[in-house]
């Protein structure tokens, strides 16, 4: 079960996401639904149906888990999704 405490170790596809901060200033404030994920990128489908690729390492994301928005630094998400799920994190 996804909770705010264990979100980093769970599947992100299907979650609503907002971009809180990014080195690319045009990405800040964008949001939508996560439709795919690779080692270094999140693919987000915006409300207008367009898909955008966002680099994880230089972005701070906010994910909706239940009714709570959880802010996560993208550097914690870098890595293949199947490996990140197995990774042990002390605290984030």
C-alpha atoms as a PDB file:
ATOM      1  CA  UNK A   1       0.000   0.000   0.000  1.00  0.00           C
ATOM      2  CA  UNK A   2       1.340   3.434  -0.952  1.00  0.00           C
ATOM      3  CA  UNK A   3       1.744   5.883   1.893  1.00  0.00           C
ATOM      4  CA  UNK A   4       3.576   9.219   2.051  1.00  0.00           C
ATOM      5  CA  UNK A   5       6.327   7.529   4.075  1.00  0.00           C
ATOM      6  CA  UNK A   6       7.086   4.755   1.558  1.00  0.00           C
ATOM      7  CA  UNK A   7       6.281   6.472  -1.745  1.00  0.00           C
ATOM      8  CA  UNK A   8       9.909   6.518  -2.915  1.00  0.00           C
ATOM      9  CA  UNK A   9       9.934   2.710  -2.906  1.00  0.00           C
ATOM     10  CA  UNK A  10       6.639   2.288  -4.798  1.00  0.00           C
ATOM     11  CA  UNK A  11       5.388   2.448  -8.363  1.00  0.00           C
ATOM     12  CA  UNK A  12       4.784   6.023  -9.534  1.00  0.00           C
ATOM     13  CA  UNK A  13       2.873   5.291 -12.740  1.00  0.00           C
ATOM     14  CA  UNK A  14      -0.734   6.393 -12.403  1.00  0.00           C
ATOM     15  CA  UNK A  15      -0.130   9.020  -9.726  1.00  0.00           C
ATOM     16  CA  UNK A  16      -0.992  12.679 -10.165  1.00  0.00           C
ATOM     17  CA  UNK A  17       2.112  14.847 -10.064  1.00  0.00           C
ATOM     18  CA  UNK A  18       3.049  18.525 -10.004  1.00  0.00           C
ATOM     19  CA  UNK A  19       6.477  19.947 -10.673  1.00  0.00           C
ATOM     20  CA  UNK A  20       7.424  22.148  -7.750  1.00  0.00           C
ATOM     21  CA  UNK A  21      10.903  23.199  -8.873  1.00  0.00           C
ATOM     22  CA  UNK A  22      13.150  22.488 -11.841  1.00  0.00           C
ATOM     23  CA  UNK A  23      16.315  23.808 -13.442  1.00  0.00           C
ATOM     24  CA  UNK A  24      14.196  24.240 -16.573  1.00  0.00           C
ATOM     25  CA  UNK A  25      11.951  27.106 -15.463  1.00  0.00           C
ATOM     26  CA  UNK A  26       9.332  26.239 -18.113  1.00  0.00           C
ATOM     27  CA  UNK A  27       8.639  22.945 -16.296  1.00  0.00           C
ATOM     28  CA  UNK A  28       7.879  24.544 -12.917  1.00  0.00           C
ATOM     29  CA  UNK A  29       4.152  24.452 -12.208  1.00  0.00           C
ATOM     30  CA  UNK A  30       3.318  21.782 -14.781  1.00  0.00           C
ATOM     31  CA  UNK A  31       1.344  18.773 -13.689  1.00  0.00           C
ATOM     32  CA  UNK A  32      -0.575  15.753 -14.826  1.00  0.00           C
ATOM     33  CA  UNK A  33      -0.491  11.983 -14.504  1.00  0.00           C
ATOM     34  CA  UNK A  34       2.649   9.836 -14.576  1.00  0.00           C
ATOM     35  CA  UNK A  35       2.330   7.514 -17.592  1.00  0.00           C
ATOM     36  CA  UNK A  36       5.837   6.049 -17.808  1.00  0.00           C
ATOM     37  CA  UNK A  37       9.179   6.062 -16.048  1.00  0.00           C
ATOM     38  CA  UNK A  38      12.746   5.297 -17.059  1.00  0.00           C
ATOM     39  CA  UNK A  39      16.017   5.471 -15.150  1.00  0.00           C
ATOM     40  CA  UNK A  40      16.369   9.245 -15.540  1.00  0.00           C
ATOM     41  CA  UNK A  41      12.986  10.500 -16.769  1.00  0.00           C
ATOM     42  CA  UNK A  42       9.328  10.706 -15.758  1.00  0.00           C
ATOM     43  CA  UNK A  43       6.801  10.924 -18.573  1.00  0.00           C
ATOM     44  CA  UNK A  44       3.770  13.000 -17.625  1.00  0.00           C
ATOM     45  CA  UNK A  45       0.511  13.335 -19.519  1.00  0.00           C
ATOM     46  CA  UNK A  46      -0.832  16.859 -19.132  1.00  0.00           C
ATOM     47  CA  UNK A  47      -4.530  17.726 -19.035  1.00  0.00           C
ATOM     48  CA  UNK A  48      -4.499  18.605 -22.743  1.00  0.00           C
ATOM     49  CA  UNK A  49      -3.323  15.070 -23.584  1.00  0.00           C
ATOM     50  CA  UNK A  50       0.242  16.000 -24.482  1.00  0.00           C
ATOM     51  CA  UNK A  51       3.030  13.918 -22.983  1.00  0.00           C
ATOM     52  CA  UNK A  52       6.168  15.572 -21.634  1.00  0.00           C
ATOM     53  CA  UNK A  53       9.454  14.062 -20.451  1.00  0.00           C
ATOM     54  CA  UNK A  54      10.863  15.473 -17.224  1.00  0.00           C
ATOM     55  CA  UNK A  55      14.390  14.674 -15.960  1.00  0.00           C
ATOM     56  CA  UNK A  56      14.314  13.341 -12.403  1.00  0.00           C
ATOM     57  CA  UNK A  57      17.700  14.535 -11.181  1.00  0.00           C
ATOM     58  CA  UNK A  58      17.098  18.292 -11.524  1.00  0.00           C
ATOM     59  CA  UNK A  59      13.442  18.403 -10.472  1.00  0.00           C
ATOM     60  CA  UNK A  60      11.442  18.462  -7.249  1.00  0.00           C
ATOM     61  CA  UNK A  61       8.085  16.694  -7.608  1.00  0.00           C
ATOM     62  CA  UNK A  62       4.895  16.672  -5.585  1.00  0.00           C
ATOM     63  CA  UNK A  63       2.858  13.446  -5.849  1.00  0.00           C
ATOM     64  CA  UNK A  64      -0.747  12.949  -4.765  1.00  0.00           C
ATOM     65  CA  UNK A  65      -1.121   9.961  -2.445  1.00  0.00           C
ATOM     66  CA  UNK A  66      -4.729   9.659  -1.341  1.00  0.00           C
ATOM     67  CA  UNK A  67      -5.639  13.211  -0.394  1.00  0.00           C
ATOM     68  CA  UNK A  68      -2.106  14.210   0.590  1.00  0.00           C
ATOM     69  CA  UNK A  69       0.541  15.808  -1.633  1.00  0.00           C
ATOM     70  CA  UNK A  70       4.057  14.508  -0.961  1.00  0.00           C
ATOM     71  CA  UNK A  71       7.086  16.547  -2.037  1.00  0.00           C
ATOM     72  CA  UNK A  72      10.076  14.447  -3.208  1.00  0.00           C
ATOM     73  CA  UNK A  73      13.449  15.506  -4.561  1.00  0.00           C
ATOM     74  CA  UNK A  74      13.913  13.796  -7.920  1.00  0.00           C
ATOM     75  CA  UNK A  75      17.463  12.719  -7.022  1.00  0.00           C
ATOM     76  CA  UNK A  76      15.882  10.106  -4.722  1.00  0.00           C
ATOM     77  CA  UNK A  77      13.968   8.704  -7.700  1.00  0.00           C
ATOM     78  CA  UNK A  78      16.915   8.314 -10.083  1.00  0.00           C
ATOM     79  CA  UNK A  79      17.376   4.687 -11.037  1.00  0.00           C
ATOM     80  CA  UNK A  80      15.436   2.015 -12.830  1.00  0.00           C
ATOM     81  CA  UNK A  81      11.983   1.668 -11.255  1.00  0.00           C
ATOM     82  CA  UNK A  82      12.439  -2.049 -10.590  1.00  0.00           C
ATOM     83  CA  UNK A  83      15.734  -1.392  -8.766  1.00  0.00           C
ATOM     84  CA  UNK A  84      14.458   1.626  -6.829  1.00  0.00           C
ATOM     85  CA  UNK A  85      11.652  -0.460  -5.361  1.00  0.00           C
ATOM     86  CA  UNK A  86      14.242  -2.847  -3.889  1.00  0.00           C
ATOM     87  CA  UNK A  87      16.597  -0.098  -2.653  1.00  0.00           C
ATOM     88  CA  UNK A  88      16.792   0.541   1.077  1.00  0.00           C
ATOM     89  CA  UNK A  89      16.627   4.195   2.068  1.00  0.00           C
ATOM     90  CA  UNK A  90      17.471   5.382   5.583  1.00  0.00           C
ATOM     91  CA  UNK A  91      15.292   8.491   5.653  1.00  0.00           C
ATOM     92  CA  UNK A  92      14.186  10.959   3.083  1.00  0.00           C
END
